[in-house]
């Protein structure tokens, strides 16, 4: 499959009707990132060495398996849809429409579509979706007791 076909597949998933992603490098960058993600999730080996997934203009250097062909397009679309959701975050529709049925903002629609594409990617690749969970803790500080008493009780426990 040629690189241009991958780009068209990504565009069909994103459907940027306002043409916010007008620079062709937006799609190319997202595809390259998706290929790196695929290499992380499903490493490609050749002669015992890790190799990068490649997609070329003439399809001569392609090494993405048919099994995973749609996965980079899904992940690239997820990245671009997330960018569009961030772009439209905070935008509000100032018009009041009495008979409006669709109450979702563009940010919500793009965010929902991004989640769908991300889930589809992980399903196609067959790995669990994991996000880094940062270590944290929460302390319930009772305002009626002095902090020194709370700290002392914690030490005794």
N, C-alpha and C. Protein backbone atom coordinates (compact mmCIF):
# COMPACT_ATOMS: atom_id res chain seq x y z
N UNK A 1 0.85 -1.17 0.00
CA UNK A 1 0.00 0.00 0.00
C UNK A 1 0.89 1.24 0.00
N UNK A 2 0.61 2.19 -0.84
CA UNK A 2 1.42 3.39 -0.95
C UNK A 2 1.13 4.36 0.19
N UNK A 3 2.11 5.21 0.47
CA UNK A 3 1.97 6.20 1.53
C UNK A 3 0.75 7.09 1.29
N UNK A 4 0.53 7.48 0.03
CA UNK A 4 -0.62 8.33 -0.29
C UNK A 4 -1.94 7.63 0.03
N UNK A 5 -1.97 6.31 -0.11
CA UNK A 5 -3.19 5.56 0.23
C UNK A 5 -3.41 5.55 1.75
N UNK A 6 -2.32 5.46 2.50
CA UNK A 6 -2.45 5.56 3.96
C UNK A 6 -2.98 6.94 4.35
N UNK A 7 -2.43 7.98 3.71
CA UNK A 7 -2.87 9.35 4.01
C UNK A 7 -4.36 9.51 3.70
N UNK A 8 -4.81 8.97 2.57
CA UNK A 8 -6.24 9.04 2.21
C UNK A 8 -7.09 8.28 3.23
N UNK A 9 -6.60 7.15 3.71
CA UNK A 9 -7.31 6.40 4.73
C UNK A 9 -7.44 7.17 6.03
N UNK A 10 -6.39 7.90 6.38
CA UNK A 10 -6.42 8.73 7.58
C UNK A 10 -7.42 9.87 7.40
N UNK A 11 -7.37 10.52 6.23
CA UNK A 11 -8.30 11.63 5.96
C UNK A 11 -9.75 11.17 6.01
N UNK A 12 -10.02 9.96 5.53
CA UNK A 12 -11.40 9.46 5.56
C UNK A 12 -11.87 9.20 6.99
N UNK A 13 -10.95 8.91 7.89
CA UNK A 13 -11.32 8.70 9.28
C UNK A 13 -11.49 10.02 10.03
N UNK A 14 -10.71 11.02 9.66
CA UNK A 14 -10.72 12.30 10.39
C UNK A 14 -11.86 13.19 9.92
N UNK A 15 -12.05 13.32 8.63
CA UNK A 15 -13.11 14.16 8.06
C UNK A 15 -13.08 15.58 8.62
N UNK A 16 -11.99 16.25 8.37
CA UNK A 16 -11.78 17.63 8.82
C UNK A 16 -12.54 18.57 7.90
N UNK A 17 -13.82 18.79 8.18
CA UNK A 17 -14.67 19.57 7.30
C UNK A 17 -14.30 21.06 7.28
N UNK A 18 -13.69 21.55 8.34
CA UNK A 18 -13.29 22.97 8.38
C UNK A 18 -11.88 23.19 7.86
N UNK A 19 -11.24 22.12 7.40
CA UNK A 19 -9.90 22.19 6.81
C UNK A 19 -8.87 22.80 7.76
N UNK A 20 -8.94 22.45 9.02
CA UNK A 20 -7.96 22.91 10.01
C UNK A 20 -6.62 22.21 9.81
N UNK A 21 -6.66 21.01 9.28
CA UNK A 21 -5.44 20.25 9.00
C UNK A 21 -5.09 20.39 7.52
N UNK A 22 -4.83 21.62 7.10
CA UNK A 22 -4.63 21.90 5.68
C UNK A 22 -3.21 21.58 5.21
N UNK A 23 -2.26 21.52 6.14
CA UNK A 23 -0.88 21.22 5.78
C UNK A 23 -0.71 19.71 5.59
N UNK A 24 -0.28 19.26 4.42
CA UNK A 24 -0.10 17.81 4.20
C UNK A 24 0.85 17.16 5.19
N UNK A 25 1.77 17.94 5.75
CA UNK A 25 2.71 17.36 6.72
C UNK A 25 2.02 16.94 8.01
N UNK A 26 0.83 17.50 8.29
CA UNK A 26 0.06 17.08 9.47
C UNK A 26 -0.24 15.58 9.40
N UNK A 27 -0.71 15.15 8.25
CA UNK A 27 -1.07 13.74 8.06
C UNK A 27 0.17 12.86 8.00
N UNK A 28 1.20 13.34 7.34
CA UNK A 28 2.44 12.57 7.23
C UNK A 28 3.09 12.38 8.60
N UNK A 29 3.12 13.45 9.38
CA UNK A 29 3.67 13.38 10.74
C UNK A 29 2.89 12.40 11.60
N UNK A 30 1.58 12.45 11.51
CA UNK A 30 0.74 11.54 12.29
C UNK A 30 0.97 10.09 11.87
N UNK A 31 1.14 9.85 10.56
CA UNK A 31 1.40 8.50 10.08
C UNK A 31 2.75 7.99 10.60
N UNK A 32 3.77 8.84 10.57
CA UNK A 32 5.09 8.43 11.07
C UNK A 32 5.03 8.10 12.57
N UNK A 33 4.29 8.91 13.32
CA UNK A 33 4.12 8.63 14.75
C UNK A 33 3.37 7.32 14.96
N UNK A 34 2.37 7.08 14.14
CA UNK A 34 1.60 5.84 14.25
C UNK A 34 2.46 4.62 13.95
N UNK A 35 3.34 4.75 12.98
CA UNK A 35 4.24 3.64 12.65
C UNK A 35 5.22 3.37 13.79
N UNK A 36 5.68 4.44 14.45
CA UNK A 36 6.55 4.24 15.62
C UNK A 36 5.78 3.58 16.76
N UNK A 37 4.52 3.95 16.94
CA UNK A 37 3.70 3.33 17.98
C UNK A 37 3.48 1.85 17.67
N UNK A 38 3.22 1.54 16.42
CA UNK A 38 3.05 0.15 16.01
C UNK A 38 4.32 -0.65 16.27
N UNK A 39 5.48 -0.05 15.98
CA UNK A 39 6.75 -0.72 16.24
C UNK A 39 6.95 -0.96 17.74
N UNK A 40 6.42 -0.07 18.55
CA UNK A 40 6.51 -0.24 20.01
C UNK A 40 5.58 -1.36 20.47
N UNK A 41 4.37 -1.37 19.94
CA UNK A 41 3.37 -2.36 20.37
C UNK A 41 3.58 -3.73 19.74
N UNK A 42 4.01 -3.76 18.51
CA UNK A 42 4.27 -5.02 17.79
C UNK A 42 5.62 -4.91 17.10
N UNK A 43 6.71 -5.14 17.84
CA UNK A 43 8.05 -4.99 17.25
C UNK A 43 8.22 -5.87 16.02
N UNK A 44 8.92 -5.33 15.04
CA UNK A 44 9.18 -6.02 13.78
C UNK A 44 10.63 -6.47 13.78
N UNK A 45 10.84 -7.77 13.57
CA UNK A 45 12.19 -8.32 13.59
C UNK A 45 12.58 -8.77 12.18
N UNK A 46 13.84 -8.53 11.84
CA UNK A 46 14.41 -9.02 10.58
C UNK A 46 15.86 -9.44 10.86
N UNK A 47 16.16 -10.66 10.64
CA UNK A 47 17.49 -11.22 10.91
C UNK A 47 17.91 -10.99 12.36
N UNK A 48 16.96 -11.13 13.27
CA UNK A 48 17.25 -10.97 14.69
C UNK A 48 17.41 -9.53 15.15
N UNK A 49 17.16 -8.56 14.27
CA UNK A 49 17.30 -7.14 14.60
C UNK A 49 15.93 -6.47 14.55
N UNK A 50 15.74 -5.50 15.43
CA UNK A 50 14.53 -4.69 15.36
C UNK A 50 14.63 -3.73 14.18
N UNK A 51 13.58 -3.64 13.40
CA UNK A 51 13.56 -2.71 12.28
C UNK A 51 12.30 -1.85 12.37
N UNK A 52 12.37 -0.69 11.77
CA UNK A 52 11.24 0.24 11.78
C UNK A 52 10.23 -0.16 10.71
N UNK A 53 8.96 0.12 10.99
CA UNK A 53 7.95 -0.05 9.95
C UNK A 53 8.11 1.09 8.96
N UNK A 54 7.96 0.78 7.69
CA UNK A 54 8.13 1.79 6.65
C UNK A 54 6.97 1.73 5.67
N UNK A 55 6.62 2.92 5.18
CA UNK A 55 5.61 3.05 4.13
C UNK A 55 6.19 4.05 3.15
N UNK A 56 6.33 3.64 1.89
CA UNK A 56 6.94 4.52 0.89
C UNK A 56 5.91 4.97 -0.13
N UNK A 57 6.31 5.94 -0.94
CA UNK A 57 5.41 6.47 -1.97
C UNK A 57 5.06 5.42 -3.02
N UNK A 58 6.03 4.56 -3.37
CA UNK A 58 5.78 3.59 -4.43
C UNK A 58 5.52 2.17 -3.90
N UNK A 59 5.42 2.04 -2.58
CA UNK A 59 5.10 0.77 -1.92
C UNK A 59 6.21 -0.27 -2.06
N UNK A 60 7.42 0.14 -2.44
CA UNK A 60 8.51 -0.82 -2.56
C UNK A 60 9.14 -1.14 -1.22
N UNK A 61 9.09 -0.19 -0.27
CA UNK A 61 9.73 -0.40 1.02
C UNK A 61 8.72 -0.74 2.13
N UNK A 62 7.49 -0.97 1.74
CA UNK A 62 6.47 -1.26 2.74
C UNK A 62 6.77 -2.57 3.46
N UNK A 63 6.65 -2.55 4.76
CA UNK A 63 6.82 -3.79 5.52
C UNK A 63 5.75 -3.93 6.59
N UNK A 64 4.64 -3.22 6.43
CA UNK A 64 3.52 -3.34 7.35
C UNK A 64 2.69 -4.54 6.91
N UNK A 65 2.51 -5.48 7.81
CA UNK A 65 1.76 -6.69 7.51
C UNK A 65 0.31 -6.36 7.17
N UNK A 66 -0.29 -7.17 6.31
CA UNK A 66 -1.71 -6.98 5.98
C UNK A 66 -2.59 -7.03 7.22
N UNK A 67 -2.16 -7.79 8.22
CA UNK A 67 -2.92 -7.90 9.46
C UNK A 67 -3.03 -6.55 10.17
N UNK A 68 -1.95 -5.76 10.07
CA UNK A 68 -1.89 -4.48 10.79
C UNK A 68 -2.07 -3.27 9.89
N UNK A 69 -2.46 -3.47 8.64
CA UNK A 69 -2.50 -2.38 7.68
C UNK A 69 -3.39 -1.22 8.13
N UNK A 70 -4.54 -1.50 8.72
CA UNK A 70 -5.44 -0.43 9.15
C UNK A 70 -5.01 0.21 10.47
N UNK A 71 -4.20 -0.47 11.24
CA UNK A 71 -3.82 0.03 12.57
C UNK A 71 -3.12 1.38 12.51
N UNK A 72 -2.11 1.60 11.64
CA UNK A 72 -1.48 2.93 11.61
C UNK A 72 -2.45 4.04 11.22
N UNK A 73 -3.39 3.73 10.34
CA UNK A 73 -4.37 4.74 9.95
C UNK A 73 -5.27 5.10 11.13
N UNK A 74 -5.67 4.09 11.91
CA UNK A 74 -6.50 4.35 13.09
C UNK A 74 -5.75 5.18 14.11
N UNK A 75 -4.49 4.84 14.35
CA UNK A 75 -3.72 5.57 15.37
C UNK A 75 -3.42 7.00 14.91
N UNK A 76 -3.08 7.17 13.64
CA UNK A 76 -2.85 8.51 13.11
C UNK A 76 -4.12 9.35 13.19
N UNK A 77 -5.25 8.74 12.87
CA UNK A 77 -6.53 9.46 12.97
C UNK A 77 -6.80 9.84 14.43
N UNK A 78 -6.51 8.93 15.36
CA UNK A 78 -6.66 9.23 16.79
C UNK A 78 -5.84 10.47 17.16
N UNK A 79 -4.60 10.54 16.70
CA UNK A 79 -3.74 11.68 17.03
C UNK A 79 -4.31 12.98 16.46
N UNK A 80 -4.74 12.95 15.21
CA UNK A 80 -5.26 14.16 14.57
C UNK A 80 -6.61 14.58 15.15
N UNK A 81 -7.46 13.61 15.46
CA UNK A 81 -8.75 13.93 16.07
C UNK A 81 -8.56 14.54 17.46
N UNK A 82 -7.56 14.07 18.18
CA UNK A 82 -7.25 14.65 19.48
C UNK A 82 -6.79 16.09 19.32
N UNK A 83 -5.99 16.36 18.29
CA UNK A 83 -5.57 17.74 18.01
C UNK A 83 -6.77 18.62 17.68
N UNK A 84 -7.68 18.11 16.87
CA UNK A 84 -8.87 18.89 16.52
C UNK A 84 -9.75 19.14 17.75
N UNK A 85 -9.88 18.13 18.61
CA UNK A 85 -10.66 18.31 19.84
C UNK A 85 -10.03 19.39 20.71
N UNK A 86 -8.71 19.40 20.80
CA UNK A 86 -8.02 20.42 21.58
C UNK A 86 -8.21 21.80 20.94
N UNK A 87 -8.20 21.84 19.61
CA UNK A 87 -8.39 23.11 18.91
C UNK A 87 -9.78 23.69 19.21
N UNK A 88 -10.78 22.83 19.20
CA UNK A 88 -12.15 23.30 19.40
C UNK A 88 -12.56 23.38 20.87
N UNK A 89 -11.71 22.97 21.77
CA UNK A 89 -12.04 23.05 23.20
C UNK A 89 -12.25 24.52 23.57
N UNK A 90 -13.31 24.78 24.23
CA UNK A 90 -13.61 26.15 24.62
C UNK A 90 -14.46 26.90 23.62
N UNK A 91 -14.56 26.38 22.40
CA UNK A 91 -15.45 27.01 21.42
C UNK A 91 -16.89 26.75 21.83
N UNK A 92 -17.67 27.77 21.78
CA UNK A 92 -19.09 27.61 22.09
C UNK A 92 -19.91 28.15 20.93
N UNK A 93 -21.05 27.57 20.76
CA UNK A 93 -21.96 28.03 19.73
C UNK A 93 -22.82 29.14 20.34
N UNK A 94 -22.67 30.35 19.82
CA UNK A 94 -23.38 31.49 20.40
C UNK A 94 -24.82 31.61 19.90
N UNK A 95 -25.19 30.81 18.92
CA UNK A 95 -26.56 30.88 18.42
C UNK A 95 -27.47 29.99 19.27
N UNK A 96 -28.69 30.41 19.41
CA UNK A 96 -29.68 29.63 20.14
C UNK A 96 -30.64 29.06 19.13
N UNK A 97 -30.69 27.75 19.09
CA UNK A 97 -31.57 27.08 18.15
C UNK A 97 -32.62 26.31 18.94
N UNK A 98 -33.87 26.68 18.77
CA UNK A 98 -34.95 26.07 19.56
C UNK A 98 -35.18 24.62 19.18
N UNK A 99 -34.98 24.27 17.94
CA UNK A 99 -35.26 22.90 17.54
C UNK A 99 -33.97 22.12 17.22
N UNK A 100 -32.91 22.45 17.92
CA UNK A 100 -31.64 21.74 17.74
C UNK A 100 -31.66 20.42 18.49
N UNK A 101 -31.30 19.34 17.81
CA UNK A 101 -31.27 18.02 18.43
C UNK A 101 -29.86 17.67 18.88
N UNK A 102 -28.86 18.01 18.06
CA UNK A 102 -27.48 17.68 18.36
C UNK A 102 -26.90 18.71 19.31
N UNK A 103 -26.66 18.30 20.54
CA UNK A 103 -26.17 19.22 21.53
C UNK A 103 -24.67 19.04 21.81
N UNK A 104 -24.01 18.22 21.02
CA UNK A 104 -22.58 18.03 21.20
C UNK A 104 -21.80 19.15 20.53
N UNK A 105 -20.74 19.56 21.18
CA UNK A 105 -19.85 20.54 20.59
C UNK A 105 -18.90 19.81 19.64
N UNK A 106 -18.20 20.58 18.82
CA UNK A 106 -17.21 19.96 17.93
C UNK A 106 -16.14 19.26 18.74
N UNK A 107 -15.76 19.88 19.85
CA UNK A 107 -14.74 19.28 20.71
C UNK A 107 -15.19 17.92 21.21
N UNK A 108 -16.45 17.79 21.60
CA UNK A 108 -16.96 16.51 22.09
C UNK A 108 -17.03 15.48 20.97
N UNK A 109 -17.45 15.89 19.79
CA UNK A 109 -17.53 14.96 18.66
C UNK A 109 -16.15 14.45 18.27
N UNK A 110 -15.18 15.37 18.15
CA UNK A 110 -13.83 14.95 17.79
C UNK A 110 -13.20 14.08 18.88
N UNK A 111 -13.47 14.41 20.11
CA UNK A 111 -12.94 13.61 21.22
C UNK A 111 -13.53 12.20 21.21
N UNK A 112 -14.82 12.10 20.94
CA UNK A 112 -15.46 10.79 20.87
C UNK A 112 -14.91 9.96 19.71
N UNK A 113 -14.74 10.60 18.56
CA UNK A 113 -14.17 9.90 17.41
C UNK A 113 -12.72 9.48 17.66
N UNK A 114 -11.98 10.31 18.38
CA UNK A 114 -10.59 9.96 18.72
C UNK A 114 -10.56 8.71 19.58
N UNK A 115 -11.47 8.62 20.54
CA UNK A 115 -11.54 7.45 21.40
C UNK A 115 -11.88 6.20 20.60
N UNK A 116 -12.80 6.34 19.65
CA UNK A 116 -13.17 5.20 18.80
C UNK A 116 -11.96 4.72 18.00
N UNK A 117 -11.22 5.65 17.40
CA UNK A 117 -10.04 5.27 16.60
C UNK A 117 -8.95 4.66 17.47
N UNK A 118 -8.75 5.22 18.65
CA UNK A 118 -7.74 4.66 19.56
C UNK A 118 -8.11 3.24 19.96
N UNK A 119 -9.36 3.02 20.33
CA UNK A 119 -9.81 1.67 20.70
C UNK A 119 -9.68 0.69 19.54
N UNK A 120 -10.01 1.16 18.34
CA UNK A 120 -9.89 0.30 17.16
C UNK A 120 -8.44 -0.08 16.91
N UNK A 121 -7.53 0.88 17.10
CA UNK A 121 -6.10 0.57 16.93
C UNK A 121 -5.66 -0.55 17.87
N UNK A 122 -5.96 -0.39 19.16
CA UNK A 122 -5.52 -1.39 20.12
C UNK A 122 -6.19 -2.74 19.90
N UNK A 123 -7.42 -2.74 19.43
CA UNK A 123 -8.10 -4.00 19.11
C UNK A 123 -7.42 -4.68 17.92
N UNK A 124 -7.11 -3.90 16.88
CA UNK A 124 -6.47 -4.46 15.69
C UNK A 124 -5.08 -5.02 15.99
N UNK A 125 -4.33 -4.31 16.83
CA UNK A 125 -2.96 -4.72 17.14
C UNK A 125 -2.96 -5.85 18.18
N UNK A 126 -4.00 -5.91 18.99
CA UNK A 126 -4.12 -6.99 19.96
C UNK A 126 -3.33 -6.78 21.23
N UNK A 127 -3.18 -5.53 21.63
CA UNK A 127 -2.51 -5.24 22.89
C UNK A 127 -3.46 -4.42 23.76
N UNK A 128 -3.22 -4.50 25.06
CA UNK A 128 -4.06 -3.75 26.00
C UNK A 128 -3.67 -2.28 25.96
N UNK A 129 -4.68 -1.44 26.02
CA UNK A 129 -4.44 0.00 26.07
C UNK A 129 -3.99 0.36 27.47
N UNK A 130 -2.80 0.87 27.59
CA UNK A 130 -2.28 1.26 28.90
C UNK A 130 -1.85 2.70 28.85
N UNK A 131 -2.12 3.37 29.90
CA UNK A 131 -1.67 4.75 30.06
C UNK A 131 -0.89 4.81 31.35
N UNK A 132 0.13 5.63 31.37
CA UNK A 132 0.93 5.76 32.58
C UNK A 132 0.08 6.33 33.70
N UNK A 133 0.11 5.65 34.81
CA UNK A 133 -0.60 6.12 35.98
C UNK A 133 0.44 6.70 36.92
N UNK A 134 0.30 7.95 37.24
CA UNK A 134 1.26 8.61 38.10
C UNK A 134 0.94 8.29 39.56
N UNK A 135 1.97 8.10 40.34
CA UNK A 135 1.79 7.82 41.76
C UNK A 135 1.28 9.07 42.45
N UNK A 136 0.29 8.88 43.28
CA UNK A 136 -0.24 10.02 44.03
C UNK A 136 -0.96 9.51 45.26
N UNK A 137 -1.19 10.40 46.16
CA UNK A 137 -1.97 10.08 47.34
C UNK A 137 -2.75 11.31 47.74
N UNK A 138 -3.82 11.07 48.46
CA UNK A 138 -4.66 12.17 48.90
C UNK A 138 -4.81 12.09 50.41
N UNK A 139 -4.71 13.22 51.05
CA UNK A 139 -4.88 13.28 52.50
C UNK A 139 -6.12 14.11 52.80
N UNK A 140 -6.97 13.58 53.66
CA UNK A 140 -8.15 14.32 54.08
C UNK A 140 -7.77 15.09 55.34
N UNK A 141 -7.57 16.37 55.19
CA UNK A 141 -7.16 17.20 56.32
C UNK A 141 -8.40 17.79 56.97
N UNK A 142 -8.67 17.34 58.15
CA UNK A 142 -9.81 17.84 58.91
C UNK A 142 -9.47 19.23 59.42
N UNK A 143 -10.25 20.23 59.02
CA UNK A 143 -9.93 21.60 59.38
C UNK A 143 -10.14 21.90 60.86
N UNK A 144 -10.83 21.02 61.56
CA UNK A 144 -11.09 21.27 62.98
C UNK A 144 -9.91 20.88 63.87
N UNK A 145 -9.04 20.03 63.35
CA UNK A 145 -7.88 19.62 64.14
C UNK A 145 -6.63 20.29 63.59
N UNK A 146 -5.72 20.67 64.47
CA UNK A 146 -4.48 21.26 63.98
C UNK A 146 -3.67 20.23 63.20
N UNK A 147 -2.89 20.69 62.22
CA UNK A 147 -2.10 19.81 61.38
C UNK A 147 -1.12 18.98 62.19
N UNK A 148 -0.59 19.53 63.25
CA UNK A 148 0.36 18.78 64.06
C UNK A 148 -0.30 17.54 64.66
N UNK A 149 -1.56 17.65 65.05
CA UNK A 149 -2.27 16.51 65.63
C UNK A 149 -2.52 15.45 64.55
N UNK A 150 -2.84 15.88 63.35
CA UNK A 150 -3.05 14.93 62.25
C UNK A 150 -1.76 14.19 61.96
N UNK A 151 -0.65 14.92 61.89
CA UNK A 151 0.64 14.31 61.60
C UNK A 151 1.03 13.34 62.70
N UNK A 152 0.81 13.71 63.95
CA UNK A 152 1.14 12.84 65.07
C UNK A 152 0.31 11.56 65.03
N UNK A 153 -0.99 11.68 64.74
CA UNK A 153 -1.85 10.50 64.64
C UNK A 153 -1.41 9.58 63.51
N UNK A 154 -0.96 10.17 62.43
CA UNK A 154 -0.50 9.38 61.29
C UNK A 154 0.78 8.62 61.67
N UNK A 155 1.69 9.25 62.40
CA UNK A 155 2.91 8.58 62.82
C UNK A 155 2.63 7.41 63.76
N UNK A 156 1.61 7.56 64.62
CA UNK A 156 1.28 6.52 65.59
C UNK A 156 0.59 5.34 64.93
N UNK A 157 -0.04 5.56 63.81
CA UNK A 157 -0.80 4.49 63.16
C UNK A 157 0.04 3.46 62.50
